[in-house]
PDB file of N, CA and C in Angstrom:
ATOM      1  N   MET A   1       0.811  -1.193   0.000  1.00  0.00           N
ATOM      2  CA  MET A   1       0.000   0.000   0.000  1.00  0.00           C
ATOM      3  C   MET A   1       0.855   1.257   0.000  1.00  0.00           C
ATOM      4  N   ASP A   2       2.083   1.111  -0.380  1.00  0.00           N
ATOM      5  CA  ASP A   2       2.950   2.287  -0.395  1.00  0.00           C
ATOM      6  C   ASP A   2       3.040   2.925  -1.783  1.00  0.00           C
ATOM      7  N   GLY A   3       2.449   2.285  -2.776  1.00  0.00           N
ATOM      8  CA  GLY A   3       2.497   2.812  -4.133  1.00  0.00           C
ATOM      9  C   GLY A   3       3.814   2.564  -4.835  1.00  0.00           C
ATOM     10  N   LEU A   4       4.776   1.964  -4.137  1.00  0.00           N
ATOM     11  CA  LEU A   4       6.100   1.730  -4.708  1.00  0.00           C
ATOM     12  C   LEU A   4       6.334   0.283  -5.083  1.00  0.00           C
ATOM     13  N   THR A   5       5.663  -0.630  -4.382  1.00  0.00           N
ATOM     14  CA  THR A   5       5.821  -2.051  -4.677  1.00  0.00           C
ATOM     15  C   THR A   5       4.456  -2.708  -4.783  1.00  0.00           C
ATOM     16  N   CYS A   6       4.421  -3.767  -5.584  1.00  0.00           N
ATOM     17  CA  CYS A   6       3.185  -4.525  -5.762  1.00  0.00           C
ATOM     18  C   CYS A   6       2.911  -5.319  -4.492  1.00  0.00           C
ATOM     19  N   ASP A   7       1.708  -5.174  -3.961  1.00  0.00           N
ATOM     20  CA  ASP A   7       1.337  -5.912  -2.763  1.00  0.00           C
ATOM     21  C   ASP A   7       1.110  -7.387  -3.059  1.00  0.00           C
ATOM     22  N   GLY A   8       1.026  -7.747  -4.334  1.00  0.00           N
ATOM     23  CA  GLY A   8       0.838  -9.143  -4.698  1.00  0.00           C
ATOM     24  C   GLY A   8       2.149  -9.902  -4.812  1.00  0.00           C
ATOM     25  N   CYS A   9       3.117  -9.342  -5.529  1.00  0.00           N
ATOM     26  CA  CYS A   9       4.352 -10.072  -5.812  1.00  0.00           C
ATOM     27  C   CYS A   9       5.611  -9.362  -5.332  1.00  0.00           C
ATOM     28  N   GLY A  10       5.495  -8.110  -4.916  1.00  0.00           N
ATOM     29  CA  GLY A  10       6.651  -7.376  -4.429  1.00  0.00           C
ATOM     30  C   GLY A  10       7.446  -6.655  -5.505  1.00  0.00           C
ATOM     31  N   GLU A  11       7.012  -6.757  -6.761  1.00  0.00           N
ATOM     32  CA  GLU A  11       7.704  -6.080  -7.866  1.00  0.00           C
ATOM     33  C   GLU A  11       7.655  -4.564  -7.679  1.00  0.00           C
ATOM     34  N   THR A  12       8.735  -3.900  -8.060  1.00  0.00           N
ATOM     35  CA  THR A  12       8.762  -2.447  -7.990  1.00  0.00           C
ATOM     36  C   THR A  12       7.806  -1.879  -9.028  1.00  0.00           C
ATOM     37  N   LEU A  13       6.942  -0.997  -8.601  1.00  0.00           N
ATOM     38  CA  LEU A  13       5.940  -0.418  -9.500  1.00  0.00           C
ATOM     39  C   LEU A  13       6.500   0.804 -10.206  1.00  0.00           C
ATOM     40  N   LEU A  14       6.027   1.024 -11.414  1.00  0.00           N
ATOM     41  CA  LEU A  14       6.334   2.166 -12.260  1.00  0.00           C
ATOM     42  C   LEU A  14       7.809   2.210 -12.698  1.00  0.00           C
ATOM     43  N   LEU A  15       8.595   1.211 -12.316  1.00  0.00           N
ATOM     44  CA  LEU A  15       9.956   1.104 -12.811  1.00  0.00           C
ATOM     45  C   LEU A  15       9.972   0.194 -14.034  1.00  0.00           C
ATOM     46  N   ASP A  16       9.268  -0.940 -13.891  1.00  0.00           N
ATOM     47  CA  ASP A  16       9.232  -1.933 -14.960  1.00  0.00           C
ATOM     48  C   ASP A  16       7.989  -1.815 -15.832  1.00  0.00           C
ATOM     49  N   SER A  17       7.018  -1.034 -15.415  1.00  0.00           N
ATOM     50  CA  SER A  17       5.794  -0.854 -16.202  1.00  0.00           C
ATOM     51  C   SER A  17       5.320   0.581 -16.035  1.00  0.00           C
ATOM     52  N   GLU A  18       4.506   1.016 -16.965  1.00  0.00           N
ATOM     53  CA  GLU A  18       4.038   2.406 -16.953  1.00  0.00           C
ATOM     54  C   GLU A  18       2.783   2.608 -16.121  1.00  0.00           C
ATOM     55  N   VAL A  19       2.212   1.527 -15.641  1.00  0.00           N
ATOM     56  CA  VAL A  19       0.947   1.647 -14.935  1.00  0.00           C
ATOM     57  C   VAL A  19       0.981   0.789 -13.672  1.00  0.00           C
ATOM     58  N   ARG A  20       0.271   1.241 -12.670  1.00  0.00           N
ATOM     59  CA  ARG A  20       0.007   0.430 -11.489  1.00  0.00           C
ATOM     60  C   ARG A  20      -1.495   0.476 -11.259  1.00  0.00           C
ATOM     61  N   TYR A  21      -1.991  -0.485 -10.551  1.00  0.00           N
ATOM     62  CA  TYR A  21      -3.424  -0.564 -10.278  1.00  0.00           C
ATOM     63  C   TYR A  21      -3.651  -0.477  -8.782  1.00  0.00           C
ATOM     64  N   VAL A  22      -4.722   0.202  -8.408  1.00  0.00           N
ATOM     65  CA  VAL A  22      -5.123   0.287  -7.009  1.00  0.00           C
ATOM     66  C   VAL A  22      -6.399  -0.527  -6.864  1.00  0.00           C
ATOM     67  N   LEU A  23      -6.342  -1.491  -5.971  1.00  0.00           N
ATOM     68  CA  LEU A  23      -7.485  -2.354  -5.708  1.00  0.00           C
ATOM     69  C   LEU A  23      -8.030  -1.996  -4.336  1.00  0.00           C
ATOM     70  N   ARG A  24      -9.294  -1.613  -4.286  1.00  0.00           N
ATOM     71  CA  ARG A  24      -9.958  -1.321  -3.012  1.00  0.00           C
ATOM     72  C   ARG A  24     -11.013  -2.390  -2.779  1.00  0.00           C
ATOM     73  N   VAL A  25     -11.017  -2.917  -1.580  1.00  0.00           N
ATOM     74  CA  VAL A  25     -11.964  -3.966  -1.206  1.00  0.00           C
ATOM     75  C   VAL A  25     -12.707  -3.490   0.028  1.00  0.00           C
ATOM     76  N   GLU A  26     -14.013  -3.645   0.008  1.00  0.00           N
ATOM     77  CA  GLU A  26     -14.830  -3.263   1.150  1.00  0.00           C
ATOM     78  C   GLU A  26     -15.725  -4.439   1.509  1.00  0.00           C
ATOM     79  N   GLY A  27     -15.742  -4.765   2.775  1.00  0.00           N
ATOM     80  CA  GLY A  27     -16.619  -5.818   3.264  1.00  0.00           C
ATOM     81  C   GLY A  27     -17.398  -5.310   4.453  1.00  0.00           C
ATOM     82  N   PHE A  28     -18.649  -5.725   4.553  1.00  0.00           N
ATOM     83  CA  PHE A  28     -19.469  -5.268   5.672  1.00  0.00           C
ATOM     84  C   PHE A  28     -20.551  -6.291   5.961  1.00  0.00           C
ATOM     85  N   ALA A  29     -21.014  -6.276   7.195  1.00  0.00           N
ATOM     86  CA  ALA A  29     -22.090  -7.171   7.601  1.00  0.00           C
ATOM     87  C   ALA A  29     -23.363  -6.766   6.865  1.00  0.00           C
ATOM     88  N   ALA A  30     -24.005  -7.738   6.252  1.00  0.00           N
ATOM     89  CA  ALA A  30     -25.242  -7.481   5.516  1.00  0.00           C
ATOM     90  C   ALA A  30     -26.434  -7.867   6.385  1.00  0.00           C
ATOM     91  N   TYR A  31     -27.367  -6.988   6.458  1.00  0.00           N
ATOM     92  CA  TYR A  31     -28.563  -7.262   7.248  1.00  0.00           C
ATOM     93  C   TYR A  31     -29.768  -7.269   6.328  1.00  0.00           C
ATOM     94  N   ASP A  32     -30.534  -8.336   6.430  1.00  0.00           N
ATOM     95  CA  ASP A  32     -31.751  -8.430   5.644  1.00  0.00           C
ATOM     96  C   ASP A  32     -32.831  -7.589   6.304  1.00  0.00           C
ATOM     97  N   PRO A  33     -33.788  -7.126   5.518  1.00  0.00           N
ATOM     98  CA  PRO A  33     -34.881  -6.348   6.107  1.00  0.00           C
ATOM     99  C   PRO A  33     -35.566  -7.164   7.206  1.00  0.00           C
ATOM    100  N   LEU A  34     -35.853  -6.490   8.284  1.00  0.00           N
ATOM    101  CA  LEU A  34     -36.469  -7.169   9.421  1.00  0.00           C
ATOM    102  C   LEU A  34     -37.981  -7.171   9.314  1.00  0.00           C
ATOM    103  N   GLU A  35     -38.560  -8.242   9.799  1.00  0.00           N
ATOM    104  CA  GLU A  35     -40.009  -8.292   9.966  1.00  0.00           C
ATOM    105  C   GLU A  35     -40.260  -8.249  11.462  1.00  0.00           C
ATOM    106  N   ILE A  36     -40.901  -7.228  11.918  1.00  0.00           N
ATOM    107  CA  ILE A  36     -41.143  -7.060  13.354  1.00  0.00           C
ATOM    108  C   ILE A  36     -42.381  -7.854  13.737  1.00  0.00           C
ATOM    109  N   THR A  37     -42.202  -8.683  14.736  1.00  0.00           N
ATOM    110  CA  THR A  37     -43.301  -9.521  15.228  1.00  0.00           C
ATOM    111  C   THR A  37     -43.759  -9.013  16.591  1.00  0.00           C
ATOM    112  N   ARG A  38     -44.879  -9.542  17.063  1.00  0.00           N
ATOM    113  CA  ARG A  38     -45.373  -9.186  18.397  1.00  0.00           C
ATOM    114  C   ARG A  38     -44.337  -9.578  19.452  1.00  0.00           C
ATOM    115  N   GLN A  39     -43.673 -10.705  19.250  1.00  0.00           N
ATOM    116  CA  GLN A  39     -42.644 -11.163  20.189  1.00  0.00           C
ATOM    117  C   GLN A  39     -41.502 -10.138  20.262  1.00  0.00           C
ATOM    118  N   ASP A  40     -41.124  -9.564  19.134  1.00  0.00           N
ATOM    119  CA  ASP A  40     -40.084  -8.526  19.122  1.00  0.00           C
ATOM    120  C   ASP A  40     -40.509  -7.332  19.962  1.00  0.00           C
ATOM    121  N   LEU A  41     -41.755  -6.929  19.829  1.00  0.00           N
ATOM    122  CA  LEU A  41     -42.256  -5.763  20.558  1.00  0.00           C
ATOM    123  C   LEU A  41     -42.350  -6.009  22.058  1.00  0.00           C
ATOM    124  N   GLU A  42     -42.461  -7.267  22.465  1.00  0.00           N
ATOM    125  CA  GLU A  42     -42.608  -7.608  23.869  1.00  0.00           C
ATOM    126  C   GLU A  42     -41.273  -7.876  24.562  1.00  0.00           C
ATOM    127  N   ARG A  43     -40.178  -7.884  23.820  1.00  0.00           N
ATOM    128  CA  ARG A  43     -38.859  -8.153  24.416  1.00  0.00           C
ATOM    129  C   ARG A  43     -38.437  -7.011  25.320  1.00  0.00           C
ATOM    130  N   ASP A  44     -37.616  -7.340  26.313  1.00  0.00           N
ATOM    131  CA  ASP A  44     -37.038  -6.344  27.212  1.00  0.00           C
ATOM    132  C   ASP A  44     -35.826  -5.744  26.501  1.00  0.00           C
ATOM    133  N   LEU A  45     -36.025  -4.632  25.817  1.00  0.00           N
ATOM    134  CA  LEU A  45     -34.973  -4.041  25.001  1.00  0.00           C
ATOM    135  C   LEU A  45     -33.845  -3.467  25.846  1.00  0.00           C
ATOM    136  N   GLU A  46     -34.147  -2.964  27.015  1.00  0.00           N
ATOM    137  CA  GLU A  46     -33.085  -2.448  27.887  1.00  0.00           C
ATOM    138  C   GLU A  46     -32.145  -3.574  28.292  1.00  0.00           C
ATOM    139  N   GLU A  47     -32.704  -4.702  28.670  1.00  0.00           N
ATOM    140  CA  GLU A  47     -31.879  -5.849  29.054  1.00  0.00           C
ATOM    141  C   GLU A  47     -31.063  -6.345  27.865  1.00  0.00           C
ATOM    142  N   GLU A  48     -31.662  -6.377  26.713  1.00  0.00           N
ATOM    143  CA  GLU A  48     -30.938  -6.815  25.521  1.00  0.00           C
ATOM    144  C   GLU A  48     -29.789  -5.860  25.189  1.00  0.00           C
ATOM    145  N   MET A  49     -30.019  -4.563  25.337  1.00  0.00           N
ATOM    146  CA  MET A  49     -28.945  -3.585  25.100  1.00  0.00           C
ATOM    147  C   MET A  49     -27.817  -3.773  26.104  1.00  0.00           C
ATOM    148  N   ARG A  50     -28.152  -4.006  27.374  1.00  0.00           N
ATOM    149  CA  ARG A  50     -27.117  -4.259  28.387  1.00  0.00           C
ATOM    150  C   ARG A  50     -26.298  -5.500  28.014  1.00  0.00           C
ATOM    151  N   ARG A  51     -26.984  -6.547  27.587  1.00  0.00           N
ATOM    152  CA  ARG A  51     -26.306  -7.780  27.207  1.00  0.00           C
ATOM    153  C   ARG A  51     -25.372  -7.532  26.018  1.00  0.00           C
ATOM    154  N   LEU A  52     -25.861  -6.821  25.016  1.00  0.00           N
ATOM    155  CA  LEU A  52     -25.032  -6.526  23.840  1.00  0.00           C
ATOM    156  C   LEU A  52     -23.823  -5.664  24.199  1.00  0.00           C
ATOM    157  N   LEU A  53     -24.021  -4.685  25.080  1.00  0.00           N
ATOM    158  CA  LEU A  53     -22.902  -3.843  25.516  1.00  0.00           C
ATOM    159  C   LEU A  53     -21.873  -4.649  26.296  1.00  0.00           C
ATOM    160  N   ASP A  54     -22.328  -5.620  27.095  1.00  0.00           N
ATOM    161  CA  ASP A  54     -21.397  -6.497  27.813  1.00  0.00           C
ATOM    162  C   ASP A  54     -20.580  -7.329  26.839  1.00  0.00           C
ATOM    163  N   VAL A  55     -21.224  -7.865  25.827  1.00  0.00           N
ATOM    164  CA  VAL A  55     -20.525  -8.661  24.813  1.00  0.00           C
ATOM    165  C   VAL A  55     -19.502  -7.783  24.098  1.00  0.00           C
ATOM    166  N   LEU A  56     -19.911  -6.594  23.731  1.00  0.00           N
ATOM    167  CA  LEU A  56     -19.017  -5.672  23.022  1.00  0.00           C
ATOM    168  C   LEU A  56     -17.836  -5.247  23.881  1.00  0.00           C
ATOM    169  N   ALA A  57     -18.064  -5.043  25.170  1.00  0.00           N
ATOM    170  CA  ALA A  57     -16.998  -4.623  26.078  1.00  0.00           C
ATOM    171  C   ALA A  57     -15.900  -5.679  26.202  1.00  0.00           C
ATOM    172  N   LYS A  58     -16.229  -6.931  25.957  1.00  0.00           N
ATOM    173  CA  LYS A  58     -15.258  -8.023  26.062  1.00  0.00           C
ATOM    174  C   LYS A  58     -14.425  -8.182  24.794  1.00  0.00           C
ATOM    175  N   LYS A  59     -14.765  -7.451  23.758  1.00  0.00           N
ATOM    176  CA  LYS A  59     -14.037  -7.540  22.490  1.00  0.00           C
ATOM    177  C   LYS A  59     -13.110  -6.347  22.346  1.00  0.00           C
ATOM    178  N   GLY A  60     -12.022  -6.562  21.647  1.00  0.00           N
ATOM    179  CA  GLY A  60     -11.149  -5.455  21.307  1.00  0.00           C
ATOM    180  C   GLY A  60     -11.774  -4.641  20.192  1.00  0.00           C
ATOM    181  N   ALA A  61     -11.307  -3.424  20.021  1.00  0.00           N
ATOM    182  CA  ALA A  61     -11.862  -2.541  18.996  1.00  0.00           C
ATOM    183  C   ALA A  61     -11.719  -3.155  17.607  1.00  0.00           C
ATOM    184  N   GLU A  62     -10.571  -3.776  17.335  1.00  0.00           N
ATOM    185  CA  GLU A  62     -10.341  -4.362  16.013  1.00  0.00           C
ATOM    186  C   GLU A  62     -11.264  -5.551  15.754  1.00  0.00           C
ATOM    187  N   GLU A  63     -11.455  -6.385  16.760  1.00  0.00           N
ATOM    188  CA  GLU A  63     -12.360  -7.533  16.606  1.00  0.00           C
ATOM    189  C   GLU A  63     -13.788  -7.068  16.339  1.00  0.00           C
ATOM    190  N   ALA A  64     -14.224  -6.057  17.094  1.00  0.00           N
ATOM    191  CA  ALA A  64     -15.571  -5.522  16.884  1.00  0.00           C
ATOM    192  C   ALA A  64     -15.695  -4.927  15.484  1.00  0.00           C
ATOM    193  N   GLN A  65     -14.667  -4.203  15.040  1.00  0.00           N
ATOM    194  CA  GLN A  65     -14.671  -3.604  13.705  1.00  0.00           C
ATOM    195  C   GLN A  65     -14.759  -4.680  12.625  1.00  0.00           C
ATOM    196  N   ASP A  66     -13.994  -5.769  12.811  1.00  0.00           N
ATOM    197  CA  ASP A  66     -13.994  -6.849  11.821  1.00  0.00           C
ATOM    198  C   ASP A  66     -15.367  -7.468  11.637  1.00  0.00           C
ATOM    199  N   GLU A  67     -16.189  -7.430  12.657  1.00  0.00           N
ATOM    200  CA  GLU A  67     -17.525  -8.017  12.564  1.00  0.00           C
ATOM    201  C   GLU A  67     -18.517  -7.102  11.847  1.00  0.00           C
ATOM    202  N   VAL A  68     -18.143  -5.849  11.616  1.00  0.00           N
ATOM    203  CA  VAL A  68     -19.093  -4.887  11.054  1.00  0.00           C
ATOM    204  C   VAL A  68     -18.662  -4.371   9.684  1.00  0.00           C
ATOM    205  N   HIS A  69     -17.436  -3.866   9.582  1.00  0.00           N
ATOM    206  CA  HIS A  69     -17.021  -3.217   8.341  1.00  0.00           C
ATOM    207  C   HIS A  69     -15.506  -3.186   8.250  1.00  0.00           C
ATOM    208  N   ARG A  70     -14.969  -3.414   7.063  1.00  0.00           N
ATOM    209  CA  ARG A  70     -13.521  -3.332   6.882  1.00  0.00           C
ATOM    210  C   ARG A  70     -13.239  -2.969   5.427  1.00  0.00           C
ATOM    211  N   THR A  71     -12.266  -2.116   5.229  1.00  0.00           N
ATOM    212  CA  THR A  71     -11.814  -1.779   3.879  1.00  0.00           C
ATOM    213  C   THR A  71     -10.313  -2.048   3.772  1.00  0.00           C
ATOM    214  N   PHE A  72      -9.896  -2.375   2.572  1.00  0.00           N
ATOM    215  CA  PHE A  72      -8.488  -2.639   2.287  1.00  0.00           C
ATOM    216  C   PHE A  72      -8.130  -1.946   0.980  1.00  0.00           C
ATOM    217  N   GLN A  73      -6.872  -1.611   0.827  1.00  0.00           N
ATOM    218  CA  GLN A  73      -6.389  -1.033  -0.425  1.00  0.00           C
ATOM    219  C   GLN A  73      -5.035  -1.661  -0.746  1.00  0.00           C
ATOM    220  N   PHE A  74      -4.877  -2.086  -2.008  1.00  0.00           N
ATOM    221  CA  PHE A  74      -3.651  -2.740  -2.447  1.00  0.00           C
ATOM    222  C   PHE A  74      -3.157  -2.098  -3.735  1.00  0.00           C
ATOM    223  N   ASP A  75      -1.846  -2.010  -3.884  1.00  0.00           N
ATOM    224  CA  ASP A  75      -1.215  -1.587  -5.138  1.00  0.00           C
ATOM    225  C   ASP A  75      -0.806  -2.851  -5.881  1.00  0.00           C
ATOM    226  N   LEU A  76      -1.172  -2.930  -7.160  1.00  0.00           N
ATOM    227  CA  LEU A  76      -0.873  -4.125  -7.947  1.00  0.00           C
ATOM    228  C   LEU A  76      -0.161  -3.770  -9.243  1.00  0.00           C
ATOM    229  N   CYS A  77       0.757  -4.641  -9.642  1.00  0.00           N
ATOM    230  CA  CYS A  77       1.404  -4.521 -10.945  1.00  0.00           C
ATOM    231  C   CYS A  77       0.433  -5.069 -12.001  1.00  0.00           C
ATOM    232  N   PRO A  78       0.686  -4.824 -13.282  1.00  0.00           N
ATOM    233  CA  PRO A  78      -0.227  -5.310 -14.320  1.00  0.00           C
ATOM    234  C   PRO A  78      -0.452  -6.827 -14.275  1.00  0.00           C
ATOM    235  N   ARG A  79       0.585  -7.605 -13.990  1.00  0.00           N
ATOM    236  CA  ARG A  79       0.425  -9.063 -13.955  1.00  0.00           C
ATOM    237  C   ARG A  79      -0.491  -9.483 -12.806  1.00  0.00           C
ATOM    238  N   CYS A  80      -0.257  -8.945 -11.612  1.00  0.00           N
ATOM    239  CA  CYS A  80      -1.112  -9.297 -10.473  1.00  0.00           C
ATOM    240  C   CYS A  80      -2.537  -8.792 -10.682  1.00  0.00           C
ATOM    241  N   TRP A  81      -2.698  -7.655 -11.327  1.00  0.00           N
ATOM    242  CA  TRP A  81      -4.037  -7.139 -11.646  1.00  0.00           C
ATOM    243  C   TRP A  81      -4.772  -8.114 -12.562  1.00  0.00           C
ATOM    244  N   ARG A  82      -4.086  -8.596 -13.612  1.00  0.00           N
ATOM    245  CA  ARG A  82      -4.705  -9.565 -14.530  1.00  0.00           C
ATOM    246  C   ARG A  82      -5.068 -10.848 -13.780  1.00  0.00           C
ATOM    247  N   ASP A  83      -4.171 -11.314 -12.898  1.00  0.00           N
ATOM    248  CA  ASP A  83      -4.466 -12.510 -12.101  1.00  0.00           C
ATOM    249  C   ASP A  83      -5.701 -12.293 -11.235  1.00  0.00           C
ATOM    250  N   PHE A  84      -5.792 -11.129 -10.619  1.00  0.00           N
ATOM    251  CA  PHE A  84      -6.949 -10.818  -9.784  1.00  0.00           C
ATOM    252  C   PHE A  84      -8.226 -10.816 -10.621  1.00  0.00           C
ATOM    253  N   LEU A  85      -8.184 -10.191 -11.794  1.00  0.00           N
ATOM    254  CA  LEU A  85      -9.378 -10.125 -12.645  1.00  0.00           C
ATOM    255  C   LEU A  85      -9.835 -11.511 -13.090  1.00  0.00           C
ATOM    256  N   GLN A  86      -8.894 -12.414 -13.310  1.00  0.00           N
ATOM    257  CA  GLN A  86      -9.248 -13.767 -13.743  1.00  0.00           C
ATOM    258  C   GLN A  86      -9.896 -14.574 -12.622  1.00  0.00           C
ATOM    259  N   ASP A  87      -9.480 -14.338 -11.373  1.00  0.00           N
ATOM    260  CA  ASP A  87     -10.007 -15.120 -10.261  1.00  0.00           C
ATOM    261  C   ASP A  87      -9.957 -14.304  -8.966  1.00  0.00           C
ATOM    262  N   PRO A  88     -10.891 -13.383  -8.777  1.00  0.00           N
ATOM    263  CA  PRO A  88     -10.853 -12.491  -7.617  1.00  0.00           C
ATOM    264  C   PRO A  88     -10.909 -13.197  -6.265  1.00  0.00           C
ATOM    265  N   LEU A  89     -11.464 -14.389  -6.213  1.00  0.00           N
ATOM    266  CA  LEU A  89     -11.615 -15.075  -4.933  1.00  0.00           C
ATOM    267  C   LEU A  89     -10.544 -16.133  -4.684  1.00  0.00           C
ATOM    268  N   SER A  90      -9.504 -16.156  -5.503  1.00  0.00           N
ATOM    269  CA  SER A  90      -8.500 -17.211  -5.365  1.00  0.00           C
ATOM    270  C   SER A  90      -7.840 -17.221  -3.988  1.00  0.00           C
ATOM    271  N   ALA A  91      -7.674 -16.086  -3.377  1.00  0.00           N
ATOM    272  CA  ALA A  91      -7.002 -16.017  -2.081  1.00  0.00           C
ATOM    273  C   ALA A  91      -7.859 -16.557  -0.942  1.00  0.00           C
ATOM    274  N   ILE A  92      -9.162 -16.606  -1.125  1.00  0.00           N
ATOM    275  CA  ILE A  92     -10.026 -17.060  -0.024  1.00  0.00           C
ATOM    276  C   ILE A  92     -10.727 -18.374  -0.330  1.00  0.00           C
ATOM    277  N   ARG A  93     -10.597 -18.878  -1.522  1.00  0.00           N
ATOM    278  CA  ARG A  93     -11.255 -20.122  -1.900  1.00  0.00           C
ATOM    279  C   ARG A  93     -10.632 -21.282  -1.123  1.00  0.00           C
ATOM    280  N   ARG A  94     -11.496 -22.135  -0.606  1.00  0.00           N
ATOM    281  CA  ARG A  94     -11.047 -23.311   0.146  1.00  0.00           C
ATOM    282  C   ARG A  94     -11.410 -24.565  -0.638  1.00  0.00           C
ATOM    283  N   PRO A  95     -10.630 -25.607  -0.447  1.00  0.00           N
ATOM    284  CA  PRO A  95     -10.998 -26.877  -1.107  1.00  0.00           C
ATOM    285  C   PRO A  95     -12.354 -27.355  -0.571  1.00  0.00           C
ATOM    286  N   ALA A  96     -13.083 -28.091  -1.393  1.00  0.00           N
ATOM    287  CA  ALA A  96     -14.385 -28.609  -0.981  1.00  0.00           C
ATOM    288  C   ALA A  96     -14.235 -29.411   0.311  1.00  0.00           C
ATOM    289  N   GLY A  97     -15.118 -29.159   1.261  1.00  0.00           N
ATOM    290  CA  GLY A  97     -15.079 -29.862   2.541  1.00  0.00           C
ATOM    291  C   GLY A  97     -14.034 -29.330   3.495  1.00  0.00           C
ATOM    292  N   GLY A  98     -13.331 -28.234   3.118  1.00  0.00           N
ATOM    293  CA  GLY A  98     -12.265 -27.711   3.965  1.00  0.00           C
ATOM    294  C   GLY A  98     -12.725 -26.676   4.974  1.00  0.00           C
ATOM    295  N   GLY A  99     -14.068 -26.429   5.067  1.00  0.00           N
ATOM    296  CA  GLY A  99     -14.719 -25.510   5.956  1.00  0.00           C
ATOM    297  C   GLY A  99     -13.905 -24.622   6.711  1.00  0.00           C
TER     298      GLY A  99
END
């Protein structure tokens, strides 16, 4: 992310090629629209908020952030950019049954 070297392969950028690529990745917790039920309206919301705050207090700031939203930025050389375009999920793909 320094703009000088490729975060994929370590190649020096703009020395061996005329272009570099910036890859930005954003991930966030997705919430489906809620359907409010009578049971939801009858819950003790104060107690639930206390419970959630207790859970949150036991987590570090980074762990809590990771559960909600995270962005990344990478500098890539043309070869790593082409590799990314061909298979964007290659870094996170697991073998079948490798859960």
